Protein backbone atom coordinates (compact mmCIF):
# COMPACT_ATOMS: atom_id res chain seq x y z
CA UNK A 1 33.05 -93.76 -12.97
CA UNK A 2 33.33 -92.55 -16.16
CA UNK A 3 36.80 -91.90 -17.45
CA UNK A 4 36.32 -88.46 -18.69
CA UNK A 5 34.72 -87.38 -15.19
CA UNK A 6 37.89 -88.79 -13.24
CA UNK A 7 40.15 -86.63 -15.61
CA UNK A 8 37.92 -83.23 -14.33
CA UNK A 9 38.06 -84.47 -11.08
CA UNK A 10 42.04 -84.96 -10.64
CA UNK A 11 43.02 -82.30 -13.06
CA UNK A 12 45.49 -79.92 -11.56
CA UNK A 13 44.09 -76.21 -11.15
CA UNK A 14 45.71 -73.43 -13.25
CA UNK A 15 48.39 -71.27 -11.70
CA UNK A 16 47.32 -68.01 -10.52
CA UNK A 17 48.57 -64.95 -12.54
CA UNK A 18 51.50 -63.12 -11.13
CA UNK A 19 50.15 -59.65 -10.52
CA UNK A 20 52.23 -56.21 -9.42
CA UNK A 21 51.12 -52.78 -8.59
CA UNK A 22 50.90 -51.97 -12.43
CA UNK A 23 48.55 -54.82 -12.85
CA UNK A 24 46.06 -53.53 -10.19
CA UNK A 25 46.23 -50.06 -12.03
CA UNK A 26 45.13 -51.61 -15.05
CA UNK A 27 42.69 -53.64 -13.79
CA UNK A 28 40.94 -50.44 -11.79
CA UNK A 29 41.16 -48.46 -15.00
CA UNK A 30 39.76 -51.07 -17.06
CA UNK A 31 36.76 -52.09 -14.64
CA UNK A 32 35.67 -48.28 -15.13
CA UNK A 33 35.42 -49.20 -18.64
CA UNK A 34 34.19 -52.74 -18.83
CA UNK A 35 32.73 -53.87 -15.36
CA UNK A 36 30.88 -56.83 -16.80
CA UNK A 37 34.24 -58.57 -17.30
CA UNK A 38 35.17 -58.61 -13.71
CA UNK A 39 34.48 -60.30 -10.52
CA UNK A 40 32.96 -57.97 -7.41
CA UNK A 41 36.23 -58.59 -5.67
CA UNK A 42 38.21 -57.15 -8.85
CA UNK A 43 35.68 -54.29 -9.29
CA UNK A 44 36.22 -53.35 -5.66
CA UNK A 45 39.91 -53.70 -5.98
CA UNK A 46 39.94 -56.51 -3.04
CA UNK A 47 42.92 -58.43 -4.75
CA UNK A 48 46.40 -58.94 -3.29
CA UNK A 49 49.38 -58.35 -5.53
CA UNK A 50 52.21 -61.00 -5.24
CA UNK A 51 54.35 -58.53 -2.66
CA UNK A 52 51.22 -58.18 -0.60
CA UNK A 53 50.28 -61.63 -0.46
CA UNK A 54 54.03 -62.56 0.64
CA UNK A 55 54.18 -59.86 3.34
CA UNK A 56 50.66 -61.07 4.69
CA UNK A 57 52.14 -64.64 4.72
CA UNK A 58 55.53 -63.76 6.40
CA UNK A 59 53.47 -61.77 9.08
CA UNK A 60 51.05 -64.53 9.89
CA UNK A 61 54.10 -66.86 10.12
CA UNK A 62 55.95 -64.42 12.79
CA UNK A 63 52.57 -64.65 14.62
CA UNK A 64 52.76 -66.44 17.93
CA UNK A 65 50.36 -69.19 18.54
CA UNK A 66 48.44 -69.14 21.66
């Protein structure tokens, strides 16, 4: 394979940005002005803040397995 292709294939993903409730409010307000800049999930407000994601993970880990 071409060396350039291998570099792209094995490149690390960029870290996801840290989101809090203020970011959620800012995004929802900006969606009203510029909806074309955002994905469908963002336009509908269907994304987790970091606190919500941590709560979900903790709740999932506490759940008993069958």
